[in-house]
Protein backbone atom coordinates (compact mmCIF):
# COMPACT_ATOMS: atom_id res chain seq x y z
CA MET A 1 -133.09 126.06 0.55
CA SER A 2 -132.01 128.41 -2.19
CA ILE A 3 -129.62 130.59 -0.13
CA PRO A 4 -127.30 127.55 1.10
CA ARG A 5 -127.02 126.37 -2.47
CA ILE A 6 -126.05 129.87 -3.75
CA ALA A 7 -123.59 129.89 -0.94
CA SER A 8 -122.47 126.56 -1.59
CA ARG A 9 -121.84 127.24 -5.40
CA ARG A 10 -120.13 130.31 -4.45
CA THR A 11 -117.77 128.84 -2.22
CA PHE A 12 -117.03 126.29 -4.72
CA LEU A 13 -116.07 128.72 -7.28
CA GLN A 14 -113.99 130.75 -4.95
CA ALA A 15 -112.30 127.51 -4.16
CA ALA A 16 -111.87 126.49 -7.65
CA THR A 17 -110.65 129.84 -8.71
CA ALA A 18 -108.23 129.97 -5.81
CA THR A 19 -106.96 126.51 -6.63
CA ALA A 20 -106.36 127.44 -10.27
CA THR A 21 -104.57 130.68 -9.46
CA ALA A 22 -102.39 129.14 -7.12
CA ALA A 23 -101.46 126.40 -9.65
CA SER A 24 -100.80 128.83 -12.35
CA ILE A 25 -98.69 130.97 -9.99
CA GLY A 26 -96.92 127.77 -9.03
CA LEU A 27 -96.10 126.51 -12.66
CA PRO A 28 -92.65 128.22 -13.00
CA ALA A 29 -91.74 127.51 -9.56
CA ARG A 30 -92.63 123.63 -9.99
CA ALA A 31 -90.72 123.69 -13.44
CA GLN A 32 -87.64 124.79 -11.70
CA THR A 33 -88.07 122.43 -8.87
CA ASP A 34 -88.49 119.56 -11.20
CA TYR A 35 -85.48 120.64 -13.25
CA PRO A 36 -83.00 118.99 -13.61
CA LYS A 37 -84.75 115.53 -14.08
CA GLY A 38 -81.67 113.73 -14.69
CA PRO A 39 -77.95 114.12 -15.74
CA LEU A 40 -77.08 117.18 -18.14
CA LYS A 41 -74.89 117.15 -21.27
CA LEU A 42 -72.62 119.82 -22.26
CA ILE A 43 -71.37 119.53 -25.91
CA VAL A 44 -68.06 121.34 -26.89
CA GLY A 45 -67.37 121.63 -30.63
CA LEU A 46 -63.57 121.74 -30.23
CA PRO A 47 -61.03 118.91 -29.22
CA PRO A 48 -59.94 118.36 -25.71
CA GLY A 49 -57.39 120.21 -23.98
CA GLY A 50 -57.90 123.77 -25.61
CA ALA A 51 -59.02 126.77 -23.71
CA ALA A 52 -62.47 126.83 -24.76
CA ASP A 53 -62.55 122.88 -23.66
CA ILE A 54 -60.69 123.71 -20.27
CA ILE A 55 -63.21 126.41 -19.53
CA ALA A 56 -66.22 124.33 -20.36
CA ARG A 57 -65.35 121.46 -18.33
CA THR A 58 -64.55 123.78 -15.26
CA GLY A 59 -67.99 125.14 -15.67
CA ALA A 60 -69.61 121.68 -15.96
CA ALA A 61 -67.67 120.54 -12.61
CA LEU A 62 -69.26 123.53 -10.94
CA LEU A 63 -72.63 123.14 -12.58
CA GLU A 64 -72.66 119.50 -11.26
CA LYS A 65 -72.37 120.82 -7.56
CA SER A 66 -74.93 123.54 -7.77
CA LEU A 67 -77.45 121.23 -9.50
CA LYS A 68 -76.68 118.06 -7.86
CA GLN A 69 -76.82 116.15 -11.16
CA ALA A 70 -73.92 114.87 -13.24
CA VAL A 71 -72.92 116.97 -16.34
CA VAL A 72 -71.20 115.01 -19.08
CA VAL A 73 -68.97 116.90 -21.39
CA GLU A 74 -68.98 115.38 -25.06
CA ASN A 75 -66.34 116.69 -27.38
CA LYS A 76 -67.74 117.01 -31.02
CA PRO A 77 -65.14 118.88 -33.03
CA GLY A 78 -65.18 119.23 -37.00
CA GLY A 79 -67.53 119.71 -39.69
CA GLN A 80 -67.43 123.77 -39.36
CA PHE A 81 -69.04 123.11 -35.92
CA GLN A 82 -72.13 121.27 -37.69
CA ILE A 83 -71.36 118.07 -35.88
CA SER A 84 -71.75 119.76 -32.48
CA MET A 85 -74.60 122.08 -33.50
CA GLN A 86 -76.55 119.07 -34.72
CA ALA A 87 -75.88 117.15 -31.64
CA LEU A 88 -77.69 119.85 -29.61
CA LEU A 89 -80.43 120.37 -32.14
CA ASN A 90 -81.12 116.47 -32.24
CA ALA A 91 -81.98 116.85 -28.23
CA PRO A 92 -85.10 117.91 -26.59
CA ALA A 93 -85.58 121.58 -25.83
CA ASP A 94 -85.64 120.69 -22.04
CA GLY A 95 -82.32 122.32 -20.76
CA HIS A 96 -80.75 118.91 -20.26
CA THR A 97 -78.25 119.42 -23.17
CA MET A 98 -76.31 122.76 -23.67
CA LEU A 99 -73.57 123.77 -26.04
CA TYR A 100 -70.44 125.77 -25.43
CA ILE A 101 -69.99 128.22 -28.28
CA TYR A 102 -67.45 130.93 -29.10
CA ASN A 103 -67.00 133.47 -31.98
CA GLY A 104 -66.39 130.77 -34.62
CA TYR A 105 -69.91 129.56 -34.66
CA ALA A 106 -71.03 133.16 -35.03
CA SER A 107 -68.52 133.36 -38.13
CA VAL A 108 -70.11 130.21 -39.63
CA SER A 109 -73.67 131.23 -39.18
CA ALA A 110 -72.71 134.71 -40.76
CA THR A 111 -70.66 133.34 -43.77
CA LEU A 112 -71.23 129.89 -44.64
CA LYS A 113 -74.84 129.70 -43.14
CA LEU A 114 -74.57 125.97 -42.13
CA PHE A 115 -76.99 126.87 -39.08
CA ASP A 116 -78.78 129.95 -37.80
CA LEU A 117 -77.20 130.98 -34.47
CA GLU A 118 -79.85 133.72 -33.93
CA LYS A 119 -82.77 131.35 -34.28
CA GLN A 120 -81.89 127.81 -33.65
CA VAL A 121 -80.25 128.36 -30.16
CA VAL A 122 -81.35 130.42 -27.07
CA PRO A 123 -78.37 132.03 -25.42
CA ILE A 124 -77.90 131.39 -21.49
CA ALA A 125 -74.77 133.13 -20.45
CA GLN A 126 -71.56 134.32 -21.75
CA VAL A 127 -68.55 133.41 -19.10
CA ALA A 128 -65.38 134.68 -20.53
CA SER A 129 -63.50 136.93 -22.84
CA THR A 130 -60.12 136.50 -24.23
CA PRO A 131 -57.94 139.46 -25.47
CA ILE A 132 -56.68 139.11 -29.12
CA VAL A 133 -53.21 140.23 -29.72
CA LEU A 134 -51.18 140.94 -33.30
CA LEU A 135 -47.90 138.88 -32.85
CA VAL A 136 -44.78 138.70 -34.80
CA ARG A 137 -41.58 136.36 -34.19
CA ASN A 138 -39.23 138.04 -31.96
CA ASP A 139 -36.72 138.46 -34.80
CA SER A 140 -39.04 139.95 -37.10
CA PRO A 141 -38.07 143.17 -39.09
CA HIS A 142 -41.49 144.73 -38.37
CA LYS A 143 -40.59 146.59 -35.06
CA SER A 144 -44.13 148.04 -34.73
CA ALA A 145 -47.53 147.76 -36.03
CA LYS A 146 -47.33 151.05 -37.90
CA ASP A 147 -43.96 149.44 -39.63
CA LEU A 148 -46.08 146.34 -40.64
CA TRP A 149 -49.13 148.60 -42.22
CA ALA A 150 -46.43 150.64 -44.27
CA TYR A 151 -44.83 147.23 -45.37
CA ALA A 152 -48.21 145.74 -46.47
CA ARG A 153 -49.21 149.06 -48.49
CA ALA A 154 -45.69 149.32 -50.33
CA ASN A 155 -45.71 145.58 -50.99
CA PRO A 156 -49.27 144.37 -52.19
CA GLY A 157 -49.93 140.76 -51.27
CA LYS A 158 -46.52 140.02 -49.80
CA LEU A 159 -47.71 140.38 -46.02
CA THR A 160 -48.67 136.93 -44.88
CA TYR A 161 -50.92 136.40 -41.81
CA GLY A 162 -52.50 133.12 -40.26
CA THR A 163 -55.97 132.36 -39.96
CA LEU A 164 -58.25 129.45 -39.10
CA GLY A 165 -59.81 128.97 -42.54
CA ALA A 166 -61.52 131.33 -45.08
CA GLY A 167 -64.60 133.01 -43.34
CA GLY A 168 -63.28 132.51 -39.65
CA VAL A 169 -63.23 135.08 -37.05
CA GLU A 170 -59.40 136.14 -37.78
CA HIS A 171 -59.78 136.26 -41.61
CA LEU A 172 -62.95 138.41 -41.59
CA LYS A 173 -61.29 140.74 -38.87
CA TRP A 174 -58.14 140.73 -41.27
CA THR A 175 -60.37 141.85 -44.20
CA GLN A 176 -61.83 144.58 -42.11
CA ILE A 177 -58.08 145.81 -41.37
CA GLU A 178 -57.18 145.31 -45.14
CA ARG A 179 -59.94 147.68 -46.04
CA ALA A 180 -59.33 150.26 -43.25
CA MET A 181 -55.68 150.51 -44.03
CA GLY A 182 -55.70 150.24 -47.80
CA PHE A 183 -53.60 147.02 -48.21
CA LYS A 184 -54.18 143.49 -49.52
CA GLY A 185 -52.24 140.67 -47.76
CA THR A 186 -52.29 136.89 -48.02
CA SER A 187 -54.13 134.73 -45.92
CA VAL A 188 -52.72 131.51 -44.75
CA PRO A 189 -54.90 128.69 -43.34
CA TYR A 190 -53.88 126.79 -40.04
CA LYS A 191 -56.06 123.98 -38.32
CA GLY A 192 -55.70 125.88 -34.85
CA GLY A 193 -54.14 128.58 -32.80
CA PRO A 194 -50.99 126.42 -31.82
CA ASP A 195 -50.45 125.36 -35.41
CA SER A 196 -50.68 129.02 -36.62
CA MET A 197 -48.41 130.13 -33.42
CA GLN A 198 -45.94 127.56 -34.84
CA GLY A 199 -46.29 129.21 -38.46
CA VAL A 200 -45.16 132.61 -36.93
CA LEU A 201 -42.19 131.27 -34.92
CA THR A 202 -40.89 129.25 -37.76
CA GLY A 203 -41.18 132.22 -40.14
CA GLU A 204 -43.99 130.72 -42.46
CA ILE A 205 -45.92 133.72 -41.87
CA ASP A 206 -45.14 137.58 -40.88
CA CYS A 207 -47.73 138.06 -38.26
CA LEU A 208 -50.83 136.59 -36.47
CA LEU A 209 -53.97 137.51 -34.78
CA THR A 210 -54.40 135.12 -32.11
CA ALA A 211 -55.36 134.86 -28.42
CA GLY A 212 -53.61 136.64 -25.66
CA LEU A 213 -52.42 133.31 -24.12
CA PHE A 214 -49.80 132.92 -26.80
CA ALA A 215 -48.39 136.20 -25.96
CA LYS A 216 -47.96 135.25 -22.46
CA LEU A 217 -46.51 131.86 -23.22
CA TYR A 218 -43.71 133.12 -25.96
CA VAL A 219 -42.95 136.73 -25.20
CA PRO A 220 -41.34 135.78 -21.89
CA LYS A 221 -39.37 133.26 -23.95
CA ALA A 222 -38.20 135.98 -26.43
CA GLN A 223 -39.72 134.05 -29.12
CA ALA A 224 -42.31 136.48 -30.15
CA ARG A 225 -43.16 140.17 -29.71
CA VAL A 226 -46.61 141.69 -29.39
CA LEU A 227 -47.34 144.81 -31.73
CA ALA A 228 -50.83 145.70 -30.54
CA VAL A 229 -53.92 144.45 -28.52
CA PHE A 230 -57.32 144.35 -30.06
CA GLU A 231 -58.92 145.85 -26.88
CA PRO A 232 -60.74 149.12 -26.48
CA THR A 233 -57.97 150.08 -23.71
CA ARG A 234 -54.57 148.54 -23.13
CA TRP A 235 -54.32 145.24 -21.79
CA GLN A 236 -52.70 145.08 -18.03
CA ASP A 237 -50.58 141.93 -19.03
CA PHE A 238 -48.92 144.28 -21.69
CA PRO A 239 -49.43 147.85 -20.58
CA GLU A 240 -46.56 149.19 -22.92
CA VAL A 241 -48.39 147.57 -26.11
CA PRO A 242 -50.57 150.09 -27.78
CA THR A 243 -54.11 149.08 -28.94
CA MET A 244 -54.97 148.40 -32.60
CA ALA A 245 -56.71 151.90 -32.73
CA GLU A 246 -53.28 153.53 -31.32
CA THR A 247 -51.76 151.94 -34.36
CA GLY A 248 -54.12 154.10 -36.78
CA VAL A 249 -56.69 150.70 -37.37
CA ASN A 250 -60.02 152.20 -37.10
CA VAL A 251 -62.27 149.15 -36.88
CA PRO A 252 -64.08 147.71 -34.06
CA PRO A 253 -62.04 145.75 -31.18
CA LEU A 254 -62.25 142.10 -31.23
CA ALA A 255 -62.11 139.63 -28.23
CA TYR A 256 -62.67 135.74 -28.31
CA TRP A 257 -65.93 135.43 -26.21
CA GLY A 258 -67.32 132.05 -24.82
CA GLY A 259 -70.65 131.09 -23.38
CA TYR A 260 -73.41 128.37 -23.21
CA VAL A 261 -76.57 128.11 -25.11
CA ALA A 262 -79.51 125.64 -25.27
CA LYS A 263 -81.89 124.67 -28.03
CA ALA A 264 -84.53 127.33 -29.04
CA GLY A 265 -87.76 126.51 -27.39
CA THR A 266 -86.10 125.70 -24.01
CA PRO A 267 -88.52 127.07 -21.52
CA PRO A 268 -87.39 130.55 -20.36
CA GLU A 269 -87.67 129.54 -16.44
CA ILE A 270 -85.14 126.95 -17.22
CA VAL A 271 -83.00 129.19 -19.15
CA GLN A 272 -82.97 131.61 -16.11
CA ARG A 273 -81.92 128.82 -13.94
CA LEU A 274 -79.22 128.04 -15.82
CA HIS A 275 -78.20 131.39 -16.26
CA ARG A 276 -78.08 131.92 -12.17
CA GLU A 277 -76.12 128.79 -11.79
CA ILE A 278 -73.65 129.30 -14.75
CA ALA A 279 -73.18 132.99 -13.83
CA ALA A 280 -72.29 131.94 -9.90
CA GLY A 281 -69.89 129.43 -11.12
CA ALA A 282 -68.13 131.80 -13.38
CA THR A 283 -66.76 133.70 -10.57
CA ALA A 284 -65.91 131.01 -8.03
CA PRO A 285 -62.11 130.68 -7.42
CA GLN A 286 -61.90 127.53 -9.33
CA MET A 287 -62.97 129.20 -12.62
CA LEU A 288 -61.04 132.40 -12.14
CA GLU A 289 -57.84 130.00 -11.92
CA ARG A 290 -58.62 128.52 -15.03
CA LEU A 291 -59.52 131.53 -16.61
CA THR A 292 -56.21 133.06 -15.82
CA ALA A 293 -54.33 130.04 -16.78
CA THR A 294 -55.85 130.10 -20.39
CA GLY A 295 -55.22 134.20 -20.83
CA ALA A 296 -58.99 134.80 -20.60
CA LEU A 297 -60.93 137.10 -18.42
CA PRO A 298 -64.11 136.74 -16.54
CA LEU A 299 -66.98 138.50 -18.29
CA VAL A 300 -70.52 137.25 -17.37
CA SER A 301 -73.64 138.52 -18.75
CA LYS A 302 -76.07 139.71 -16.47
CA VAL A 303 -78.98 138.25 -18.11
CA PRO A 304 -79.24 135.89 -21.06
CA ASP A 305 -80.38 138.84 -23.35
CA ASP A 306 -77.08 140.46 -23.07
CA PHE A 307 -75.21 137.29 -24.51
CA ARG A 308 -77.90 137.43 -27.35
CA LYS A 309 -76.64 140.84 -28.34
CA VAL A 310 -73.02 139.76 -28.09
CA ILE A 311 -73.91 137.02 -30.75
CA SER A 312 -75.92 139.29 -32.79
CA SER A 313 -73.48 142.21 -32.94
CA ASP A 314 -70.60 139.51 -34.00
CA ILE A 315 -72.77 138.20 -36.82
CA ALA A 316 -73.75 141.68 -38.17
CA TRP A 317 -70.09 142.78 -38.56
CA MET A 318 -68.98 139.40 -39.97
CA THR A 319 -71.78 139.47 -42.52
CA GLU A 320 -70.70 142.89 -43.70
CA ALA A 321 -66.89 141.81 -43.77
CA ALA A 322 -67.71 138.75 -45.85
CA LYS A 323 -69.39 140.83 -48.66
CA GLY A 324 -67.37 140.11 -51.69
CA LEU A 325 -65.25 137.33 -50.47
CA ASN A 326 -67.19 134.38 -52.39
CA LEU A 327 -67.14 132.23 -49.33
CA GLY A 328 -69.96 130.12 -50.72
CA GLY A 329 -72.43 131.01 -48.08
């Protein structure tokens, strides 16, 4: 009688172990199968109609198709991105709420420290990179970037350049340029890219670091000229224009990047699922058409951690550039 009982107990334990093992193996698969459980929300911390908003909305439409769930885009601009960030942080960490971010969030995190981009969010995927150019109005007396640097050194404080506010991406990069080239200019803040571009065209400011889209819009109309591109190599859209390094500026290149993040604590398997879906959509013909229209280039992170490195790298140089600027962070 004892032998059957031992065999029965062994059989029971084996079956229980097999069931537990199968369950543990199946957990990630089940989590992915169960996700998403309903509509998703994509928060954009900028007004509707801008390049970031267009890219984010196109990505949302593609994500709807692949996940077979509605993806609702909510624009929450203002408050130095605090409004949009808080909307993400108030949501559950379940992957049903995402935030589309760009370099501006990194600058706020690095300088004003209104939130911690490296701790409070988990990167999902970068999807785009927009070249940055140095622009002047078409009738500017400065015919080259080297002319501009010479004028700035000879006339302390007189060179005026547009930024999107103290501590912003452009202001911090100009700070690096000033320190590297040995001059001090004057930052003139604007509400957005279009406003600052008008500042150049009307002669309110001498020059501007801005998205390549504005070069594509205004150079063909003979309203502006590109003096340099802030890419590691020359931009194919303006192959005759030198890089900033070629003009003697020994500072790291700069491009506007954009991508998706979720709230910290979102399960890794959900982050991986979102990365796969977003990365696939980022190279779809519909997205490529939108990127081209906004002057952006497709640049998709291979894994979520690649996007984390991009964010951390920007925060590092921004933190260094902000030293001594008394930005209040």
